[in-house]
Amino acid sequence: MKQRISRIAALACATLMLSACSSVNLWPFGGGKEQDLSRPPPGATAYQCEGGKRLYVRYLDNGAAAWVILPEREFRLNKASSDGGSRYSNGNATLDIKDGGATLSDGAAVTHAGCKASGG
């Protein structure tokens, strides 16, 4: 019994030591680091926004949805009704696209304003 507890303790200690190393990622699903947005993601439209911000949008299902790609996260928005232009929303975030420009809001706060399609 003591040997089994010692082995478990040693394994737990080794796991903690490895997880403290920044070069070791034990999370099997990726993530944990920001996207490299120096190159546009394949099939995405690049938008340059006010304040030096940037976002990418990949349209899905023939325009029925939009995949928004930011440095810190990615998320899907479904097409919503709009008065001219296109609006995509998930109930919290909203992307409005009109005349080659875009605005992204997260709740009531506009996070990306004055965005213009930049082609890369």
N, C-alpha and C. Protein backbone atom coordinates (compact mmCIF):
# COMPACT_ATOMS: atom_id res chain seq x y z
N MET A 1 0.83 -1.20 0.00
CA MET A 1 0.00 0.00 0.00
C MET A 1 0.87 1.25 0.00
N LYS A 2 1.95 1.25 0.82
CA LYS A 2 2.83 2.41 0.87
C LYS A 2 3.50 2.65 -0.47
N GLN A 3 3.88 1.56 -1.16
CA GLN A 3 4.52 1.71 -2.47
C GLN A 3 3.55 2.35 -3.46
N ARG A 4 2.29 1.96 -3.41
CA ARG A 4 1.30 2.50 -4.33
C ARG A 4 1.10 4.00 -4.08
N ILE A 5 1.03 4.40 -2.83
CA ILE A 5 0.88 5.82 -2.49
C ILE A 5 2.11 6.60 -2.93
N SER A 6 3.29 6.02 -2.75
CA SER A 6 4.54 6.68 -3.17
C SER A 6 4.56 6.87 -4.67
N ARG A 7 4.11 5.89 -5.43
CA ARG A 7 4.09 6.00 -6.90
C ARG A 7 3.11 7.09 -7.34
N ILE A 8 1.95 7.11 -6.69
CA ILE A 8 0.96 8.14 -7.03
C ILE A 8 1.51 9.52 -6.71
N ALA A 9 2.15 9.67 -5.56
CA ALA A 9 2.73 10.95 -5.18
C ALA A 9 3.82 11.37 -6.15
N ALA A 10 4.66 10.42 -6.56
CA ALA A 10 5.73 10.72 -7.52
C ALA A 10 5.15 11.15 -8.86
N LEU A 11 4.11 10.46 -9.30
CA LEU A 11 3.46 10.80 -10.57
C LEU A 11 2.84 12.19 -10.50
N ALA A 12 2.16 12.49 -9.39
CA ALA A 12 1.55 13.81 -9.21
C ALA A 12 2.62 14.90 -9.19
N CYS A 13 3.73 14.64 -8.52
CA CYS A 13 4.81 15.61 -8.46
C CYS A 13 5.41 15.86 -9.85
N ALA A 14 5.63 14.79 -10.60
CA ALA A 14 6.19 14.92 -11.95
C ALA A 14 5.23 15.69 -12.86
N THR A 15 3.94 15.42 -12.73
CA THR A 15 2.94 16.13 -13.53
C THR A 15 2.95 17.62 -13.22
N LEU A 16 3.01 17.97 -11.94
CA LEU A 16 3.06 19.38 -11.56
C LEU A 16 4.31 20.06 -12.07
N MET A 17 5.44 19.37 -11.99
CA MET A 17 6.70 19.96 -12.46
C MET A 17 6.66 20.18 -13.96
N LEU A 18 6.12 19.22 -14.71
CA LEU A 18 6.03 19.38 -16.16
C LEU A 18 5.06 20.48 -16.55
N SER A 19 3.95 20.57 -15.83
CA SER A 19 2.96 21.59 -16.19
C SER A 19 3.48 22.99 -15.90
N ALA A 20 4.48 23.13 -15.05
CA ALA A 20 5.06 24.44 -14.76
C ALA A 20 5.97 24.91 -15.88
N CYS A 21 6.42 24.00 -16.71
CA CYS A 21 7.28 24.37 -17.83
C CYS A 21 6.44 24.99 -18.93
N SER A 22 6.81 26.14 -19.39
CA SER A 22 6.01 26.82 -20.40
C SER A 22 6.07 26.13 -21.75
N SER A 23 7.09 25.34 -22.00
CA SER A 23 7.21 24.68 -23.30
C SER A 23 6.43 23.38 -23.36
N VAL A 24 5.89 22.92 -22.25
CA VAL A 24 5.14 21.68 -22.21
C VAL A 24 3.67 22.01 -22.09
N ASN A 25 2.86 21.54 -23.05
CA ASN A 25 1.42 21.77 -23.02
C ASN A 25 0.75 20.42 -22.86
N LEU A 26 0.18 20.17 -21.69
CA LEU A 26 -0.49 18.91 -21.42
C LEU A 26 -1.95 18.92 -21.83
N TRP A 27 -2.47 20.07 -22.23
CA TRP A 27 -3.86 20.17 -22.67
C TRP A 27 -3.97 19.60 -24.07
N PRO A 28 -4.76 18.52 -24.26
CA PRO A 28 -4.76 17.80 -25.54
C PRO A 28 -5.53 18.47 -26.67
N PHE A 29 -6.24 19.57 -26.40
CA PHE A 29 -7.10 20.18 -27.41
C PHE A 29 -6.51 21.43 -28.03
N GLY A 30 -5.23 21.67 -27.86
CA GLY A 30 -4.60 22.86 -28.43
C GLY A 30 -4.99 24.09 -27.66
N GLY A 31 -4.85 25.23 -28.28
CA GLY A 31 -5.20 26.49 -27.64
C GLY A 31 -4.11 26.91 -26.67
N GLY A 32 -4.45 27.82 -25.82
CA GLY A 32 -3.51 28.28 -24.83
C GLY A 32 -2.57 29.36 -25.33
N LYS A 33 -2.53 29.60 -26.63
CA LYS A 33 -1.70 30.68 -27.16
C LYS A 33 -2.49 31.41 -28.23
N GLU A 34 -2.12 32.65 -28.45
CA GLU A 34 -2.85 33.46 -29.40
C GLU A 34 -2.58 33.00 -30.83
N GLN A 35 -3.52 33.26 -31.71
CA GLN A 35 -3.38 32.94 -33.12
C GLN A 35 -2.28 33.78 -33.75
N ASP A 36 -1.56 33.22 -34.71
CA ASP A 36 -0.61 33.98 -35.50
C ASP A 36 -1.40 34.63 -36.63
N LEU A 37 -1.66 35.92 -36.49
CA LEU A 37 -2.46 36.62 -37.50
C LEU A 37 -1.59 37.47 -38.42
N SER A 38 -0.31 37.11 -38.56
CA SER A 38 0.53 37.83 -39.49
C SER A 38 0.15 37.48 -40.93
N ARG A 39 -0.48 36.33 -41.10
CA ARG A 39 -1.00 35.92 -42.41
C ARG A 39 -2.50 35.68 -42.26
N PRO A 40 -3.29 36.06 -43.24
CA PRO A 40 -4.73 35.83 -43.12
C PRO A 40 -5.04 34.33 -43.13
N PRO A 41 -6.00 33.90 -42.33
CA PRO A 41 -6.42 32.50 -42.37
C PRO A 41 -7.00 32.18 -43.74
N PRO A 42 -6.82 30.97 -44.25
CA PRO A 42 -7.35 30.61 -45.58
C PRO A 42 -8.85 30.85 -45.67
N GLY A 43 -9.27 31.49 -46.75
CA GLY A 43 -10.68 31.73 -47.01
C GLY A 43 -11.31 32.84 -46.19
N ALA A 44 -10.51 33.61 -45.47
CA ALA A 44 -11.05 34.66 -44.62
C ALA A 44 -10.85 36.04 -45.24
N THR A 45 -11.76 36.96 -44.94
CA THR A 45 -11.64 38.35 -45.33
C THR A 45 -10.98 39.10 -44.18
N ALA A 46 -9.95 39.86 -44.47
CA ALA A 46 -9.24 40.63 -43.45
C ALA A 46 -9.87 42.01 -43.33
N TYR A 47 -10.00 42.48 -42.10
CA TYR A 47 -10.51 43.82 -41.82
C TYR A 47 -9.51 44.55 -40.93
N GLN A 48 -9.14 45.75 -41.34
CA GLN A 48 -8.29 46.63 -40.53
C GLN A 48 -9.22 47.63 -39.85
N CYS A 49 -9.12 47.74 -38.53
CA CYS A 49 -10.05 48.55 -37.75
C CYS A 49 -9.34 49.72 -37.08
N GLU A 50 -10.14 50.62 -36.53
CA GLU A 50 -9.59 51.77 -35.79
C GLU A 50 -8.75 51.26 -34.62
N GLY A 51 -7.76 52.06 -34.25
CA GLY A 51 -6.91 51.71 -33.12
C GLY A 51 -5.91 50.61 -33.42
N GLY A 52 -5.69 50.33 -34.70
CA GLY A 52 -4.74 49.28 -35.07
C GLY A 52 -5.25 47.87 -34.87
N LYS A 53 -6.53 47.74 -34.56
CA LYS A 53 -7.11 46.41 -34.37
C LYS A 53 -7.35 45.75 -35.71
N ARG A 54 -7.43 44.44 -35.68
CA ARG A 54 -7.64 43.67 -36.90
C ARG A 54 -8.55 42.50 -36.58
N LEU A 55 -9.34 42.10 -37.54
CA LEU A 55 -10.15 40.89 -37.40
C LEU A 55 -10.28 40.22 -38.76
N TYR A 56 -10.59 38.95 -38.72
CA TYR A 56 -10.79 38.17 -39.94
C TYR A 56 -12.16 37.53 -39.86
N VAL A 57 -12.83 37.42 -41.02
CA VAL A 57 -14.15 36.80 -41.08
C VAL A 57 -14.14 35.77 -42.20
N ARG A 58 -14.53 34.57 -41.85
CA ARG A 58 -14.69 33.49 -42.84
C ARG A 58 -16.18 33.18 -42.89
N TYR A 59 -16.77 33.25 -44.08
CA TYR A 59 -18.19 32.99 -44.24
C TYR A 59 -18.42 31.50 -44.42
N LEU A 60 -19.46 31.00 -43.74
CA LEU A 60 -19.79 29.58 -43.75
C LEU A 60 -21.17 29.36 -44.34
N ASP A 61 -21.42 28.17 -44.83
CA ASP A 61 -22.75 27.76 -45.30
C ASP A 61 -23.35 28.78 -46.27
N ASN A 62 -22.56 29.17 -47.28
CA ASN A 62 -23.01 30.13 -48.29
C ASN A 62 -23.52 31.44 -47.69
N GLY A 63 -22.84 31.92 -46.65
CA GLY A 63 -23.19 33.20 -46.04
C GLY A 63 -24.22 33.11 -44.92
N ALA A 64 -24.66 31.90 -44.56
CA ALA A 64 -25.63 31.74 -43.48
C ALA A 64 -25.00 31.94 -42.11
N ALA A 65 -23.66 31.92 -42.04
CA ALA A 65 -22.95 32.12 -40.78
C ALA A 65 -21.60 32.74 -41.07
N ALA A 66 -21.01 33.34 -40.04
CA ALA A 66 -19.68 33.94 -40.15
C ALA A 66 -18.83 33.42 -39.00
N TRP A 67 -17.58 33.08 -39.29
CA TRP A 67 -16.61 32.66 -38.28
C TRP A 67 -15.68 33.85 -38.07
N VAL A 68 -15.72 34.44 -36.88
CA VAL A 68 -14.91 35.62 -36.56
C VAL A 68 -13.61 35.14 -35.92
N ILE A 69 -12.49 35.64 -36.43
CA ILE A 69 -11.17 35.23 -35.94
C ILE A 69 -10.46 36.47 -35.39
N LEU A 70 -10.21 36.45 -34.09
CA LEU A 70 -9.49 37.51 -33.39
C LEU A 70 -8.19 36.92 -32.84
N PRO A 71 -7.24 37.74 -32.43
CA PRO A 71 -5.99 37.17 -31.89
C PRO A 71 -6.22 36.27 -30.69
N GLU A 72 -7.20 36.59 -29.85
CA GLU A 72 -7.38 35.85 -28.60
C GLU A 72 -8.48 34.79 -28.63
N ARG A 73 -9.32 34.80 -29.67
CA ARG A 73 -10.40 33.81 -29.73
C ARG A 73 -11.04 33.78 -31.11
N GLU A 74 -11.83 32.73 -31.32
CA GLU A 74 -12.61 32.56 -32.54
C GLU A 74 -14.02 32.16 -32.14
N PHE A 75 -15.01 32.58 -32.93
CA PHE A 75 -16.38 32.20 -32.61
C PHE A 75 -17.27 32.32 -33.84
N ARG A 76 -18.40 31.61 -33.80
CA ARG A 76 -19.36 31.57 -34.90
C ARG A 76 -20.52 32.52 -34.60
N LEU A 77 -20.97 33.19 -35.65
CA LEU A 77 -22.16 34.04 -35.58
C LEU A 77 -23.10 33.62 -36.70
N ASN A 78 -24.37 33.53 -36.42
CA ASN A 78 -25.36 33.16 -37.43
C ASN A 78 -26.00 34.41 -38.02
N LYS A 79 -26.38 34.31 -39.28
CA LYS A 79 -26.98 35.44 -39.97
C LYS A 79 -28.29 35.84 -39.28
N ALA A 80 -28.46 37.13 -39.09
CA ALA A 80 -29.66 37.68 -38.45
C ALA A 80 -30.28 38.69 -39.40
N SER A 81 -31.50 39.09 -39.13
CA SER A 81 -32.17 40.08 -39.99
C SER A 81 -31.45 41.42 -39.87
N SER A 82 -31.46 42.17 -40.98
CA SER A 82 -30.75 43.45 -41.01
C SER A 82 -31.43 44.40 -41.97
N ASP A 83 -31.34 45.69 -41.67
CA ASP A 83 -31.84 46.73 -42.57
C ASP A 83 -30.70 47.15 -43.49
N GLY A 84 -30.50 46.42 -44.57
CA GLY A 84 -29.38 46.71 -45.47
C GLY A 84 -28.10 46.14 -44.90
N GLY A 85 -27.21 45.69 -45.74
CA GLY A 85 -25.98 45.08 -45.27
C GLY A 85 -26.25 43.69 -44.73
N SER A 86 -25.32 43.19 -43.94
CA SER A 86 -25.45 41.87 -43.33
C SER A 86 -25.19 41.97 -41.84
N ARG A 87 -25.96 41.24 -41.08
CA ARG A 87 -25.77 41.19 -39.63
C ARG A 87 -25.67 39.73 -39.21
N TYR A 88 -24.69 39.46 -38.37
CA TYR A 88 -24.47 38.12 -37.82
C TYR A 88 -24.41 38.25 -36.31
N SER A 89 -25.04 37.29 -35.60
CA SER A 89 -25.07 37.39 -34.15
C SER A 89 -25.18 36.01 -33.52
N ASN A 90 -24.74 35.92 -32.26
CA ASN A 90 -24.92 34.70 -31.47
C ASN A 90 -25.71 35.01 -30.20
N GLY A 91 -26.37 36.15 -30.17
CA GLY A 91 -27.13 36.56 -29.00
C GLY A 91 -26.33 37.47 -28.08
N ASN A 92 -25.03 37.46 -28.21
CA ASN A 92 -24.17 38.35 -27.42
C ASN A 92 -23.33 39.21 -28.35
N ALA A 93 -22.48 38.56 -29.14
CA ALA A 93 -21.64 39.29 -30.10
C ALA A 93 -22.43 39.53 -31.38
N THR A 94 -22.18 40.68 -32.01
CA THR A 94 -22.85 41.02 -33.26
C THR A 94 -21.83 41.62 -34.23
N LEU A 95 -21.86 41.13 -35.46
CA LEU A 95 -21.02 41.64 -36.53
C LEU A 95 -21.93 42.26 -37.58
N ASP A 96 -21.76 43.57 -37.82
CA ASP A 96 -22.51 44.28 -38.86
C ASP A 96 -21.56 44.57 -40.01
N ILE A 97 -21.98 44.17 -41.21
CA ILE A 97 -21.16 44.41 -42.40
C ILE A 97 -21.99 45.17 -43.41
N LYS A 98 -21.43 46.30 -43.88
CA LYS A 98 -22.15 47.13 -44.84
C LYS A 98 -21.14 47.92 -45.66
N ASP A 99 -21.29 47.90 -46.98
CA ASP A 99 -20.46 48.68 -47.89
C ASP A 99 -18.96 48.45 -47.68
N GLY A 100 -18.55 47.22 -47.48
CA GLY A 100 -17.13 46.90 -47.32
C GLY A 100 -16.56 47.21 -45.95
N GLY A 101 -17.41 47.69 -45.05
CA GLY A 101 -16.97 47.99 -43.69
C GLY A 101 -17.62 47.05 -42.69
N ALA A 102 -17.04 46.97 -41.49
CA ALA A 102 -17.57 46.08 -40.47
C ALA A 102 -17.45 46.72 -39.09
N THR A 103 -18.37 46.33 -38.21
CA THR A 103 -18.34 46.72 -36.81
C THR A 103 -18.66 45.48 -35.99
N LEU A 104 -17.81 45.21 -34.99
CA LEU A 104 -18.03 44.06 -34.11
C LEU A 104 -18.34 44.57 -32.71
N SER A 105 -19.45 44.09 -32.16
CA SER A 105 -19.86 44.46 -30.80
C SER A 105 -19.90 43.20 -29.95
N ASP A 106 -19.50 43.37 -28.69
CA ASP A 106 -19.60 42.28 -27.71
C ASP A 106 -20.54 42.78 -26.63
N GLY A 107 -21.79 42.34 -26.69
CA GLY A 107 -22.82 42.90 -25.83
C GLY A 107 -23.09 44.32 -26.28
N ALA A 108 -23.11 45.26 -25.34
CA ALA A 108 -23.37 46.66 -25.67
C ALA A 108 -22.11 47.40 -26.10
N ALA A 109 -20.94 46.80 -25.88
CA ALA A 109 -19.66 47.48 -26.18
C ALA A 109 -19.19 47.18 -27.60
N VAL A 110 -18.86 48.23 -28.34
CA VAL A 110 -18.25 48.07 -29.66
C VAL A 110 -16.76 47.79 -29.46
N THR A 111 -16.31 46.61 -29.88
CA THR A 111 -14.91 46.24 -29.69
C THR A 111 -14.05 46.54 -30.90
N HIS A 112 -14.64 46.50 -32.10
CA HIS A 112 -13.91 46.77 -33.35
C HIS A 112 -14.78 47.69 -34.20
N ALA A 113 -14.36 48.94 -34.35
CA ALA A 113 -15.13 49.93 -35.10
C ALA A 113 -14.33 50.41 -36.31
N GLY A 114 -15.06 50.93 -37.30
CA GLY A 114 -14.40 51.50 -38.47
C GLY A 114 -13.57 50.50 -39.24
N CYS A 115 -13.97 49.26 -39.25
CA CYS A 115 -13.19 48.21 -39.91
C CYS A 115 -13.44 48.26 -41.42
N LYS A 116 -12.37 48.21 -42.17
CA LYS A 116 -12.43 48.22 -43.63
C LYS A 116 -11.75 46.97 -44.15
N ALA A 117 -12.37 46.36 -45.16
CA ALA A 117 -11.77 45.17 -45.76
C ALA A 117 -10.40 45.57 -46.33
N SER A 118 -9.37 44.83 -45.93
CA SER A 118 -8.01 45.21 -46.32
C SER A 118 -7.37 44.24 -47.28
N GLY A 119 -8.02 43.12 -47.53
CA GLY A 119 -7.47 42.16 -48.48
C GLY A 119 -6.31 41.37 -47.97
N GLY A 120 -5.97 41.43 -46.72
CA GLY A 120 -4.89 40.61 -46.19
C GLY A 120 -4.17 41.32 -45.18
